[in-house]
């Protein structure tokens, strides 16, 4: 694999990985002080949501790892095939995150200085 192929492959993986990382950091920062948890924001999720979320995450993670592994052992997959497969996987994961991110983390309140209507 040429260096440009590797760089493009990493760039394909970055957007959705960054969404997960930023969502995690956002939650950690919300509760970084002892006793500052917002009691109104502690909502439970259903078991079906947990299972679907874990299943999606595991399937997408396995897909990425498997694709990189198959490429690294020298199968007939070309660098372009790897990039295409990773792009499809990341697009699917991004769509899933787009569906749940607002529900999990809520909307940002409108700014006070914004005129209404």
PDB file of N, CA and C in Angstrom:
ATOM      1  N   UNK A   1       0.849  -1.171   0.000  1.00  0.00           N
ATOM      2  CA  UNK A   1       0.000   0.000   0.000  1.00  0.00           C
ATOM      3  C   UNK A   1       0.891   1.229   0.000  1.00  0.00           C
ATOM      4  N   UNK A   2       0.573   2.155  -0.869  1.00  0.00           N
ATOM      5  CA  UNK A   2       1.321   3.404  -0.910  1.00  0.00           C
ATOM      6  C   UNK A   2       0.925   4.272   0.279  1.00  0.00           C
ATOM      7  N   UNK A   3       1.795   5.212   0.591  1.00  0.00           N
ATOM      8  CA  UNK A   3       1.516   6.080   1.734  1.00  0.00           C
ATOM      9  C   UNK A   3       0.233   6.886   1.513  1.00  0.00           C
ATOM     10  N   UNK A   4      -0.031   7.321   0.292  1.00  0.00           N
ATOM     11  CA  UNK A   4      -1.259   8.078   0.035  1.00  0.00           C
ATOM     12  C   UNK A   4      -2.492   7.197   0.234  1.00  0.00           C
ATOM     13  N   UNK A   5      -2.403   5.913  -0.122  1.00  0.00           N
ATOM     14  CA  UNK A   5      -3.520   5.001   0.117  1.00  0.00           C
ATOM     15  C   UNK A   5      -3.784   4.845   1.606  1.00  0.00           C
ATOM     16  N   UNK A   6      -2.723   4.706   2.380  1.00  0.00           N
ATOM     17  CA  UNK A   6      -2.871   4.571   3.831  1.00  0.00           C
ATOM     18  C   UNK A   6      -3.487   5.834   4.429  1.00  0.00           C
ATOM     19  N   UNK A   7      -3.012   6.993   4.004  1.00  0.00           N
ATOM     20  CA  UNK A   7      -3.526   8.261   4.510  1.00  0.00           C
ATOM     21  C   UNK A   7      -5.020   8.406   4.194  1.00  0.00           C
ATOM     22  N   UNK A   8      -5.427   8.065   2.998  1.00  0.00           N
ATOM     23  CA  UNK A   8      -6.837   8.158   2.612  1.00  0.00           C
ATOM     24  C   UNK A   8      -7.673   7.178   3.434  1.00  0.00           C
ATOM     25  N   UNK A   9      -7.145   5.997   3.670  1.00  0.00           N
ATOM     26  CA  UNK A   9      -7.861   5.005   4.474  1.00  0.00           C
ATOM     27  C   UNK A   9      -8.091   5.528   5.887  1.00  0.00           C
ATOM     28  N   UNK A  10      -7.089   6.114   6.478  1.00  0.00           N
ATOM     29  CA  UNK A  10      -7.235   6.689   7.821  1.00  0.00           C
ATOM     30  C   UNK A  10      -8.250   7.830   7.803  1.00  0.00           C
ATOM     31  N   UNK A  11      -8.240   8.648   6.780  1.00  0.00           N
ATOM     32  CA  UNK A  11      -9.201   9.748   6.680  1.00  0.00           C
ATOM     33  C   UNK A  11     -10.633   9.236   6.557  1.00  0.00           C
ATOM     34  N   UNK A  12     -10.819   8.091   5.935  1.00  0.00           N
ATOM     35  CA  UNK A  12     -12.153   7.503   5.839  1.00  0.00           C
ATOM     36  C   UNK A  12     -12.655   7.106   7.227  1.00  0.00           C
ATOM     37  N   UNK A  13     -11.775   6.604   8.067  1.00  0.00           N
ATOM     38  CA  UNK A  13     -12.153   6.130   9.397  1.00  0.00           C
ATOM     39  C   UNK A  13     -12.374   7.257  10.405  1.00  0.00           C
ATOM     40  N   UNK A  14     -11.846   8.427  10.159  1.00  0.00           N
ATOM     41  CA  UNK A  14     -11.850   9.502  11.152  1.00  0.00           C
ATOM     42  C   UNK A  14     -13.212  10.107  11.502  1.00  0.00           C
ATOM     43  N   UNK A  15     -14.093  10.431  10.557  1.00  0.00           N
ATOM     44  CA  UNK A  15     -15.303  11.175  10.943  1.00  0.00           C
ATOM     45  C   UNK A  15     -16.172  10.490  11.992  1.00  0.00           C
ATOM     46  N   UNK A  16     -16.549   9.258  11.784  1.00  0.00           N
ATOM     47  CA  UNK A  16     -17.438   8.597  12.734  1.00  0.00           C
ATOM     48  C   UNK A  16     -16.700   8.264  14.025  1.00  0.00           C
ATOM     49  N   UNK A  17     -15.445   7.910  13.927  1.00  0.00           N
ATOM     50  CA  UNK A  17     -14.651   7.655  15.127  1.00  0.00           C
ATOM     51  C   UNK A  17     -14.582   8.930  15.972  1.00  0.00           C
ATOM     52  N   UNK A  18     -14.435  10.067  15.321  1.00  0.00           N
ATOM     53  CA  UNK A  18     -14.405  11.342  16.043  1.00  0.00           C
ATOM     54  C   UNK A  18     -15.744  11.628  16.727  1.00  0.00           C
ATOM     55  N   UNK A  19     -16.856  11.268  16.086  1.00  0.00           N
ATOM     56  CA  UNK A  19     -18.171  11.476  16.698  1.00  0.00           C
ATOM     57  C   UNK A  19     -18.273  10.681  17.992  1.00  0.00           C
ATOM     58  N   UNK A  20     -17.872   9.414  17.949  1.00  0.00           N
ATOM     59  CA  UNK A  20     -17.910   8.596  19.162  1.00  0.00           C
ATOM     60  C   UNK A  20     -17.017   9.179  20.248  1.00  0.00           C
ATOM     61  N   UNK A  21     -15.820   9.556  19.890  1.00  0.00           N
ATOM     62  CA  UNK A  21     -14.876  10.089  20.876  1.00  0.00           C
ATOM     63  C   UNK A  21     -15.397  11.385  21.484  1.00  0.00           C
ATOM     64  N   UNK A  22     -15.924  12.275  20.670  1.00  0.00           N
ATOM     65  CA  UNK A  22     -16.441  13.544  21.180  1.00  0.00           C
ATOM     66  C   UNK A  22     -17.679  13.338  22.047  1.00  0.00           C
ATOM     67  N   UNK A  23     -18.539  12.401  21.688  1.00  0.00           N
ATOM     68  CA  UNK A  23     -19.715  12.119  22.514  1.00  0.00           C
ATOM     69  C   UNK A  23     -19.288  11.608  23.884  1.00  0.00           C
ATOM     70  N   UNK A  24     -18.283  10.737  23.904  1.00  0.00           N
ATOM     71  CA  UNK A  24     -17.785  10.219  25.175  1.00  0.00           C
ATOM     72  C   UNK A  24     -17.182  11.338  26.019  1.00  0.00           C
ATOM     73  N   UNK A  25     -16.342  12.159  25.418  1.00  0.00           N
ATOM     74  CA  UNK A  25     -15.701  13.253  26.158  1.00  0.00           C
ATOM     75  C   UNK A  25     -16.745  14.239  26.668  1.00  0.00           C
ATOM     76  N   UNK A  26     -17.765  14.504  25.857  1.00  0.00           N
ATOM     77  CA  UNK A  26     -18.830  15.420  26.276  1.00  0.00           C
ATOM     78  C   UNK A  26     -19.515  14.902  27.542  1.00  0.00           C
ATOM     79  N   UNK A  27     -19.816  13.617  27.576  1.00  0.00           N
ATOM     80  CA  UNK A  27     -20.454  13.042  28.755  1.00  0.00           C
ATOM     81  C   UNK A  27     -19.528  13.062  29.967  1.00  0.00           C
ATOM     82  N   UNK A  28     -18.256  12.775  29.764  1.00  0.00           N
ATOM     83  CA  UNK A  28     -17.300  12.801  30.870  1.00  0.00           C
ATOM     84  C   UNK A  28     -17.203  14.214  31.439  1.00  0.00           C
ATOM     85  N   UNK A  29     -17.139  15.213  30.577  1.00  0.00           N
ATOM     86  CA  UNK A  29     -17.011  16.591  31.041  1.00  0.00           C
ATOM     87  C   UNK A  29     -18.268  17.085  31.748  1.00  0.00           C
ATOM     88  N   UNK A  30     -19.424  16.585  31.347  1.00  0.00           N
ATOM     89  CA  UNK A  30     -20.676  16.996  32.014  1.00  0.00           C
ATOM     90  C   UNK A  30     -20.669  16.596  33.482  1.00  0.00           C
ATOM     91  N   UNK A  31     -20.019  15.496  33.803  1.00  0.00           N
ATOM     92  CA  UNK A  31     -20.049  14.978  35.172  1.00  0.00           C
ATOM     93  C   UNK A  31     -18.660  14.940  35.789  1.00  0.00           C
ATOM     94  N   UNK A  32     -17.832  15.942  35.475  1.00  0.00           N
ATOM     95  CA  UNK A  32     -16.466  15.899  35.977  1.00  0.00           C
ATOM     96  C   UNK A  32     -16.346  16.345  37.422  1.00  0.00           C
ATOM     97  N   UNK A  33     -17.357  17.034  37.949  1.00  0.00           N
ATOM     98  CA  UNK A  33     -17.316  17.447  39.347  1.00  0.00           C
ATOM     99  C   UNK A  33     -18.217  16.541  40.170  1.00  0.00           C
ATOM    100  N   UNK A  34     -17.763  16.185  41.350  1.00  0.00           N
ATOM    101  CA  UNK A  34     -18.530  15.312  42.232  1.00  0.00           C
ATOM    102  C   UNK A  34     -19.813  16.029  42.643  1.00  0.00           C
ATOM    103  N   UNK A  35     -20.933  15.312  42.554  1.00  0.00           N
ATOM    104  CA  UNK A  35     -22.209  15.877  42.992  1.00  0.00           C
ATOM    105  C   UNK A  35     -22.834  16.837  42.008  1.00  0.00           C
ATOM    106  N   UNK A  36     -22.341  16.900  40.775  1.00  0.00           N
ATOM    107  CA  UNK A  36     -22.898  17.854  39.828  1.00  0.00           C
ATOM    108  C   UNK A  36     -23.824  17.219  38.805  1.00  0.00           C
ATOM    109  N   UNK A  37     -24.149  15.947  38.991  1.00  0.00           N
ATOM    110  CA  UNK A  37     -25.019  15.273  38.023  1.00  0.00           C
ATOM    111  C   UNK A  37     -26.406  15.907  38.046  1.00  0.00           C
ATOM    112  N   UNK A  38     -26.921  16.181  36.883  1.00  0.00           N
ATOM    113  CA  UNK A  38     -28.249  16.756  36.743  1.00  0.00           C
ATOM    114  C   UNK A  38     -29.274  15.655  36.989  1.00  0.00           C
ATOM    115  N   UNK A  39     -30.022  15.769  38.066  1.00  0.00           N
ATOM    116  CA  UNK A  39     -30.973  14.714  38.435  1.00  0.00           C
ATOM    117  C   UNK A  39     -32.070  14.563  37.386  1.00  0.00           C
ATOM    118  N   UNK A  40     -32.430  15.642  36.695  1.00  0.00           N
ATOM    119  CA  UNK A  40     -33.475  15.575  35.679  1.00  0.00           C
ATOM    120  C   UNK A  40     -32.999  14.902  34.405  1.00  0.00           C
ATOM    121  N   UNK A  41     -31.707  14.747  34.232  1.00  0.00           N
ATOM    122  CA  UNK A  41     -31.165  14.199  32.989  1.00  0.00           C
ATOM    123  C   UNK A  41     -30.816  12.722  33.098  1.00  0.00           C
ATOM    124  N   UNK A  42     -31.141  12.096  34.205  1.00  0.00           N
ATOM    125  CA  UNK A  42     -30.810  10.680  34.340  1.00  0.00           C
ATOM    126  C   UNK A  42     -32.002   9.851  33.853  1.00  0.00           C
ATOM    127  N   UNK A  43     -31.983   9.564  32.553  1.00  0.00           N
ATOM    128  CA  UNK A  43     -33.060   8.801  31.932  1.00  0.00           C
ATOM    129  C   UNK A  43     -32.559   7.393  31.638  1.00  0.00           C
ATOM    130  N   UNK A  44     -33.393   6.436  31.886  1.00  0.00           N
ATOM    131  CA  UNK A  44     -33.042   5.052  31.579  1.00  0.00           C
ATOM    132  C   UNK A  44     -33.410   4.760  30.127  1.00  0.00           C
ATOM    133  N   UNK A  45     -32.690   3.855  29.516  1.00  0.00           N
ATOM    134  CA  UNK A  45     -33.024   3.423  28.157  1.00  0.00           C
ATOM    135  C   UNK A  45     -33.524   1.992  28.223  1.00  0.00           C
ATOM    136  N   UNK A  46     -34.259   1.599  27.198  1.00  0.00           N
ATOM    137  CA  UNK A  46     -34.829   0.256  27.187  1.00  0.00           C
ATOM    138  C   UNK A  46     -33.757  -0.775  26.852  1.00  0.00           C
ATOM    139  N   UNK A  47     -34.027  -2.002  27.224  1.00  0.00           N
ATOM    140  CA  UNK A  47     -33.110  -3.091  26.946  1.00  0.00           C
ATOM    141  C   UNK A  47     -32.951  -3.278  25.436  1.00  0.00           C
ATOM    142  N   UNK A  48     -34.028  -3.102  24.684  1.00  0.00           N
ATOM    143  CA  UNK A  48     -33.928  -3.260  23.226  1.00  0.00           C
ATOM    144  C   UNK A  48     -32.997  -2.207  22.623  1.00  0.00           C
ATOM    145  N   UNK A  49     -33.033  -0.982  23.134  1.00  0.00           N
ATOM    146  CA  UNK A  49     -32.126   0.052  22.638  1.00  0.00           C
ATOM    147  C   UNK A  49     -30.679  -0.300  22.964  1.00  0.00           C
ATOM    148  N   UNK A  50     -30.449  -0.788  24.163  1.00  0.00           N
ATOM    149  CA  UNK A  50     -29.096  -1.191  24.559  1.00  0.00           C
ATOM    150  C   UNK A  50     -28.590  -2.293  23.637  1.00  0.00           C
ATOM    151  N   UNK A  51     -29.422  -3.305  23.411  1.00  0.00           N
ATOM    152  CA  UNK A  51     -29.015  -4.423  22.561  1.00  0.00           C
ATOM    153  C   UNK A  51     -28.736  -3.984  21.130  1.00  0.00           C
ATOM    154  N   UNK A  52     -29.596  -3.139  20.579  1.00  0.00           N
ATOM    155  CA  UNK A  52     -29.383  -2.654  19.211  1.00  0.00           C
ATOM    156  C   UNK A  52     -28.110  -1.819  19.134  1.00  0.00           C
ATOM    157  N   UNK A  53     -27.890  -0.958  20.110  1.00  0.00           N
ATOM    158  CA  UNK A  53     -26.694  -0.113  20.110  1.00  0.00           C
ATOM    159  C   UNK A  53     -25.419  -0.947  20.204  1.00  0.00           C
ATOM    160  N   UNK A  54     -25.407  -1.909  21.107  1.00  0.00           N
ATOM    161  CA  UNK A  54     -24.236  -2.766  21.259  1.00  0.00           C
ATOM    162  C   UNK A  54     -24.035  -3.604  19.999  1.00  0.00           C
ATOM    163  N   UNK A  55     -25.121  -4.155  19.459  1.00  0.00           N
ATOM    164  CA  UNK A  55     -25.028  -4.974  18.258  1.00  0.00           C
ATOM    165  C   UNK A  55     -24.469  -4.163  17.084  1.00  0.00           C
ATOM    166  N   UNK A  56     -25.006  -2.968  16.867  1.00  0.00           N
ATOM    167  CA  UNK A  56     -24.505  -2.121  15.776  1.00  0.00           C
ATOM    168  C   UNK A  56     -23.028  -1.814  15.962  1.00  0.00           C
ATOM    169  N   UNK A  57     -22.648  -1.442  17.168  1.00  0.00           N
ATOM    170  CA  UNK A  57     -21.257  -1.100  17.432  1.00  0.00           C
ATOM    171  C   UNK A  57     -20.333  -2.288  17.197  1.00  0.00           C
ATOM    172  N   UNK A  58     -20.717  -3.451  17.682  1.00  0.00           N
ATOM    173  CA  UNK A  58     -19.894  -4.647  17.507  1.00  0.00           C
ATOM    174  C   UNK A  58     -19.796  -5.031  16.028  1.00  0.00           C
ATOM    175  N   UNK A  59     -20.925  -5.017  15.323  1.00  0.00           N
ATOM    176  CA  UNK A  59     -20.916  -5.385  13.903  1.00  0.00           C
ATOM    177  C   UNK A  59     -20.045  -4.431  13.096  1.00  0.00           C
ATOM    178  N   UNK A  60     -20.183  -3.135  13.326  1.00  0.00           N
ATOM    179  CA  UNK A  60     -19.369  -2.176  12.586  1.00  0.00           C
ATOM    180  C   UNK A  60     -17.895  -2.300  12.958  1.00  0.00           C
ATOM    181  N   UNK A  61     -17.601  -2.519  14.219  1.00  0.00           N
ATOM    182  CA  UNK A  61     -16.204  -2.678  14.632  1.00  0.00           C
ATOM    183  C   UNK A  61     -15.585  -3.918  14.003  1.00  0.00           C
ATOM    184  N   UNK A  62     -16.321  -5.010  14.029  1.00  0.00           N
ATOM    185  CA  UNK A  62     -15.823  -6.241  13.404  1.00  0.00           C
ATOM    186  C   UNK A  62     -15.629  -6.024  11.901  1.00  0.00           C
ATOM    187  N   UNK A  63     -16.559  -5.308  11.272  1.00  0.00           N
ATOM    188  CA  UNK A  63     -16.438  -5.027   9.841  1.00  0.00           C
ATOM    189  C   UNK A  63     -15.168  -4.267   9.510  1.00  0.00           C
ATOM    190  N   UNK A  64     -14.860  -3.253  10.300  1.00  0.00           N
ATOM    191  CA  UNK A  64     -13.645  -2.465  10.059  1.00  0.00           C
ATOM    192  C   UNK A  64     -12.397  -3.322  10.295  1.00  0.00           C
ATOM    193  N   UNK A  65     -12.354  -4.010  11.423  1.00  0.00           N
ATOM    194  CA  UNK A  65     -11.188  -4.831  11.749  1.00  0.00           C
ATOM    195  C   UNK A  65     -11.001  -5.946  10.722  1.00  0.00           C
ATOM    196  N   UNK A  66     -12.084  -6.618  10.339  1.00  0.00           N
ATOM    197  CA  UNK A  66     -12.016  -7.699   9.364  1.00  0.00           C
ATOM    198  C   UNK A  66     -11.517  -7.188   8.013  1.00  0.00           C
ATOM    199  N   UNK A  67     -12.022  -6.030   7.588  1.00  0.00           N
ATOM    200  CA  UNK A  67     -11.593  -5.470   6.301  1.00  0.00           C
ATOM    201  C   UNK A  67     -10.103  -5.153   6.299  1.00  0.00           C
ATOM    202  N   UNK A  68      -9.636  -4.533   7.363  1.00  0.00           N
ATOM    203  CA  UNK A  68      -8.208  -4.203   7.453  1.00  0.00           C
ATOM    204  C   UNK A  68      -7.374  -5.479   7.532  1.00  0.00           C
ATOM    205  N   UNK A  69      -7.846  -6.464   8.283  1.00  0.00           N
ATOM    206  CA  UNK A  69      -7.127  -7.727   8.392  1.00  0.00           C
ATOM    207  C   UNK A  69      -7.037  -8.427   7.037  1.00  0.00           C
ATOM    208  N   UNK A  70      -8.167  -8.534   6.318  1.00  0.00           N
ATOM    209  CA  UNK A  70      -8.170  -9.208   5.020  1.00  0.00           C
ATOM    210  C   UNK A  70      -7.232  -8.503   4.041  1.00  0.00           C
ATOM    211  N   UNK A  71      -7.185  -7.199   4.103  1.00  0.00           N
ATOM    212  CA  UNK A  71      -6.279  -6.463   3.229  1.00  0.00           C
ATOM    213  C   UNK A  71      -4.827  -6.719   3.617  1.00  0.00           C
ATOM    214  N   UNK A  72      -4.566  -6.736   4.934  1.00  0.00           N
ATOM    215  CA  UNK A  72      -3.177  -6.862   5.397  1.00  0.00           C
ATOM    216  C   UNK A  72      -2.564  -8.231   5.107  1.00  0.00           C
ATOM    217  N   UNK A  73      -3.390  -9.285   5.022  1.00  0.00           N
ATOM    218  CA  UNK A  73      -2.827 -10.613   4.773  1.00  0.00           C
ATOM    219  C   UNK A  73      -2.627 -10.878   3.283  1.00  0.00           C
ATOM    220  N   UNK A  74      -2.950  -9.900   2.461  1.00  0.00           N
ATOM    221  CA  UNK A  74      -2.638 -10.016   1.041  1.00  0.00           C
ATOM    222  C   UNK A  74      -3.677 -10.723   0.198  1.00  0.00           C
ATOM    223  N   UNK A  75      -4.936 -10.575   0.544  1.00  0.00           N
ATOM    224  CA  UNK A  75      -5.979 -11.149  -0.302  1.00  0.00           C
ATOM    225  C   UNK A  75      -6.051 -10.347  -1.598  1.00  0.00           C
ATOM    226  N   UNK A  76      -7.024 -10.658  -2.416  1.00  0.00           N
ATOM    227  CA  UNK A  76      -7.155  -9.969  -3.707  1.00  0.00           C
ATOM    228  C   UNK A  76      -7.723  -8.564  -3.561  1.00  0.00           C
ATOM    229  N   UNK A  77      -7.940  -8.109  -2.332  1.00  0.00           N
ATOM    230  CA  UNK A  77      -8.487  -6.771  -2.109  1.00  0.00           C
ATOM    231  C   UNK A  77      -7.431  -5.713  -2.431  1.00  0.00           C
ATOM    232  N   UNK A  78      -7.805  -4.784  -3.289  1.00  0.00           N
ATOM    233  CA  UNK A  78      -6.908  -3.685  -3.644  1.00  0.00           C
ATOM    234  C   UNK A  78      -7.084  -2.555  -2.630  1.00  0.00           C
ATOM    235  N   UNK A  79      -6.161  -1.595  -2.614  1.00  0.00           N
ATOM    236  CA  UNK A  79      -6.354  -0.452  -1.721  1.00  0.00           C
ATOM    237  C   UNK A  79      -7.678   0.275  -1.987  1.00  0.00           C
ATOM    238  N   UNK A  80      -8.074   0.363  -3.236  1.00  0.00           N
ATOM    239  CA  UNK A  80      -9.350   1.016  -3.545  1.00  0.00           C
ATOM    240  C   UNK A  80     -10.536   0.210  -3.009  1.00  0.00           C
ATOM    241  N   UNK A  81     -10.445  -1.124  -3.074  1.00  0.00           N
ATOM    242  CA  UNK A  81     -11.499  -1.970  -2.513  1.00  0.00           C
ATOM    243  C   UNK A  81     -11.606  -1.763  -1.012  1.00  0.00           C
ATOM    244  N   UNK A  82     -10.460  -1.681  -0.342  1.00  0.00           N
ATOM    245  CA  UNK A  82     -10.456  -1.454   1.105  1.00  0.00           C
ATOM    246  C   UNK A  82     -11.096  -0.118   1.432  1.00  0.00           C
ATOM    247  N   UNK A  83     -10.718   0.922   0.720  1.00  0.00           N
ATOM    248  CA  UNK A  83     -11.279   2.252   0.970  1.00  0.00           C
ATOM    249  C   UNK A  83     -12.781   2.269   0.738  1.00  0.00           C
ATOM    250  N   UNK A  84     -13.225   1.596  -0.320  1.00  0.00           N
ATOM    251  CA  UNK A  84     -14.656   1.558  -0.615  1.00  0.00           C
ATOM    252  C   UNK A  84     -15.419   0.826   0.488  1.00  0.00           C
ATOM    253  N   UNK A  85     -14.885  -0.311   0.914  1.00  0.00           N
ATOM    254  CA  UNK A  85     -15.549  -1.079   1.971  1.00  0.00           C
ATOM    255  C   UNK A  85     -15.605  -0.277   3.270  1.00  0.00           C
ATOM    256  N   UNK A  86     -14.502   0.364   3.640  1.00  0.00           N
ATOM    257  CA  UNK A  86     -14.493   1.164   4.866  1.00  0.00           C
ATOM    258  C   UNK A  86     -15.435   2.359   4.764  1.00  0.00           C
ATOM    259  N   UNK A  87     -15.516   2.953   3.591  1.00  0.00           N
ATOM    260  CA  UNK A  87     -16.434   4.087   3.403  1.00  0.00           C
ATOM    261  C   UNK A  87     -17.880   3.642   3.601  1.00  0.00           C
ATOM    262  N   UNK A  88     -18.246   2.477   3.101  1.00  0.00           N
ATOM    263  CA  UNK A  88     -19.605   1.964   3.296  1.00  0.00           C
ATOM    264  C   UNK A  88     -19.881   1.688   4.768  1.00  0.00           C
ATOM    265  N   UNK A  89     -18.927   1.077   5.442  1.00  0.00           N
ATOM    266  CA  UNK A  89     -19.097   0.764   6.861  1.00  0.00           C
ATOM    267  C   UNK A  89     -19.246   2.051   7.669  1.00  0.00           C
ATOM    268  N   UNK A  90     -18.390   3.013   7.429  1.00  0.00           N
ATOM    269  CA  UNK A  90     -18.439   4.274   8.172  1.00  0.00           C
ATOM    270  C   UNK A  90     -19.707   5.065   7.856  1.00  0.00           C
ATOM    271  N   UNK A  91     -20.186   4.996   6.630  1.00  0.00           N
ATOM    272  CA  UNK A  91     -21.432   5.679   6.267  1.00  0.00           C
ATOM    273  C   UNK A  91     -22.601   5.070   7.037  1.00  0.00           C
ATOM    274  N   UNK A  92     -22.640   3.752   7.116  1.00  0.00           N
ATOM    275  CA  UNK A  92     -23.697   3.094   7.885  1.00  0.00           C
ATOM    276  C   UNK A  92     -23.643   3.454   9.354  1.00  0.00           C
ATOM    277  N   UNK A  93     -22.460   3.458   9.926  1.00  0.00           N
ATOM    278  CA  UNK A  93     -22.299   3.806  11.335  1.00  0.00           C
ATOM    279  C   UNK A  93     -22.643   5.279  11.572  1.00  0.00           C
ATOM    280  N   UNK A  94     -22.272   6.126  10.640  1.00  0.00           N
ATOM    281  CA  UNK A  94     -22.612   7.542  10.764  1.00  0.00           C
ATOM    282  C   UNK A  94     -24.116   7.765  10.726  1.00  0.00           C
ATOM    283  N   UNK A  95     -24.810   7.016   9.872  1.00  0.00           N
ATOM    284  CA  UNK A  95     -26.262   7.109   9.823  1.00  0.00           C
ATOM    285  C   UNK A  95     -26.899   6.684  11.129  1.00  0.00           C
ATOM    286  N   UNK A  96     -26.403   5.605  11.705  1.00  0.00           N
ATOM    287  CA  UNK A  96     -26.905   5.134  12.994  1.00  0.00           C
ATOM    288  C   UNK A  96     -26.674   6.189  14.076  1.00  0.00           C
ATOM    289  N   UNK A  97     -25.470   6.745  14.115  1.00  0.00           N
ATOM    290  CA  UNK A  97     -25.173   7.784  15.111  1.00  0.00           C
ATOM    291  C   UNK A  97     -26.063   9.006  14.907  1.00  0.00           C
ATOM    292  N   UNK A  98     -26.306   9.355  13.648  1.00  0.00           N
ATOM    293  CA  UNK A  98     -27.181  10.493  13.367  1.00  0.00           C
ATOM    294  C   UNK A  98     -28.584  10.289  13.903  1.00  0.00           C
ATOM    295  N   UNK A  99     -29.049   9.058  13.899  1.00  0.00           N
ATOM    296  CA  UNK A  99     -30.386   8.764  14.403  1.00  0.00           C
ATOM    297  C   UNK A  99     -30.485   8.867  15.918  1.00  0.00           C
ATOM    298  N   UNK A 100     -29.421   8.545  16.619  1.00  0.00           N
ATOM    299  CA  UNK A 100     -29.532   8.455  18.083  1.00  0.00           C
ATOM    300  C   UNK A 100     -28.858   9.575  18.849  1.00  0.00           C
ATOM    301  N   UNK A 101     -27.983  10.342  18.233  1.00  0.00           N
ATOM    302  CA  UNK A 101     -27.172  11.292  19.006  1.00  0.00           C
ATOM    303  C   UNK A 101     -28.022  12.370  19.678  1.00  0.00           C
ATOM    304  N   UNK A 102     -29.011  12.908  19.000  1.00  0.00           N
ATOM    305  CA  UNK A 102     -29.836  13.948  19.612  1.00  0.00           C
ATOM    306  C   UNK A 102     -30.682  13.381  20.742  1.00  0.00           C
ATOM    307  N   UNK A 103     -31.172  12.175  20.557  1.00  0.00           N
ATOM    308  CA  UNK A 103     -31.973  11.542  21.602  1.00  0.00           C
ATOM    309  C   UNK A 103     -31.139  11.283  22.852  1.00  0.00           C
ATOM    310  N   UNK A 104     -29.919  10.825  22.662  1.00  0.00           N
ATOM    311  CA  UNK A 104     -29.073  10.522  23.813  1.00  0.00           C
ATOM    312  C   UNK A 104     -28.561  11.769  24.516  1.00  0.00           C
ATOM    313  N   UNK A 105     -28.121  12.749  23.749  1.00  0.00           N
ATOM    314  CA  UNK A 105     -27.445  13.894  24.351  1.00  0.00           C
ATOM    315  C   UNK A 105     -28.277  15.164  24.368  1.00  0.00           C
ATOM    316  N   UNK A 106     -29.441  15.149  23.738  1.00  0.00           N
ATOM    317  CA  UNK A 106     -30.341  16.291  23.764  1.00  0.00           C
ATOM    318  C   UNK A 106     -29.907  17.409  22.840  1.00  0.00           C
ATOM    319  N   UNK A 107     -30.858  18.296  22.580  1.00  0.00           N
ATOM    320  CA  UNK A 107     -30.570  19.463  21.759  1.00  0.00           C
ATOM    321  C   UNK A 107     -29.901  20.520  22.626  1.00  0.00           C
ATOM    322  N   UNK A 108     -29.073  21.318  21.974  1.00  0.00           N
ATOM    323  CA  UNK A 108     -28.520  22.468  22.696  1.00  0.00           C
ATOM    324  C   UNK A 108     -29.613  23.516  22.813  1.00  0.00           C
ATOM    325  N   UNK A 109     -29.739  24.163  23.965  1.00  0.00           N
ATOM    326  CA  UNK A 109     -30.769  25.197  24.099  1.00  0.00           C
ATOM    327  C   UNK A 109     -30.434  26.380  23.193  1.00  0.00           C
ATOM    328  N   UNK A 110     -31.459  27.091  22.703  1.00  0.00           N
ATOM    329  CA  UNK A 110     -31.181  28.248  21.846  1.00  0.00           C
ATOM    330  C   UNK A 110     -30.458  29.332  22.642  1.00  0.00           C
ATOM    331  N   UNK A 111     -29.642  30.090  21.936  1.00  0.00           N
ATOM    332  CA  UNK A 111     -28.912  31.179  22.597  1.00  0.00           C
ATOM    333  C   UNK A 111     -29.871  32.255  23.021  1.00  0.00           C
ATOM    334  N   UNK A 112     -29.597  32.873  24.148  1.00  0.00           N
ATOM    335  CA  UNK A 112     -30.493  33.894  24.719  1.00  0.00           C
ATOM    336  C   UNK A 112     -30.578  35.135  23.854  1.00  0.00           C
ATOM    337  N   UNK A 113     -29.499  35.488  23.124  1.00  0.00           N
ATOM    338  CA  UNK A 113     -29.509  36.707  22.340  1.00  0.00           C
ATOM    339  C   UNK A 113     -30.103  36.528  20.938  1.00  0.00           C
ATOM    340  N   UNK A 114     -30.604  35.315  20.622  1.00  0.00           N
ATOM    341  CA  UNK A 114     -31.208  35.057  19.325  1.00  0.00           C
ATOM    342  C   UNK A 114     -32.652  35.543  19.351  1.00  0.00           C
ATOM    343  N   UNK A 115     -33.039  36.431  18.407  1.00  0.00           N
ATOM    344  CA  UNK A 115     -34.429  36.896  18.393  1.00  0.00           C
ATOM    345  C   UNK A 115     -35.365  35.749  18.018  1.00  0.00           C
ATOM    346  N   UNK A 116     -36.496  35.686  18.701  1.00  0.00           N
ATOM    347  CA  UNK A 116     -37.451  34.613  18.405  1.00  0.00           C
ATOM    348  C   UNK A 116     -38.513  35.117  17.446  1.00  0.00           C
ATOM    349  N   UNK A 117     -38.742  34.305  16.378  1.00  0.00           N
ATOM    350  CA  UNK A 117     -39.785  34.452  15.410  1.00  0.00           C
ATOM    351  C   UNK A 117     -39.906  35.744  14.793  1.00  0.00           C
TER     352      UNK A 117
END
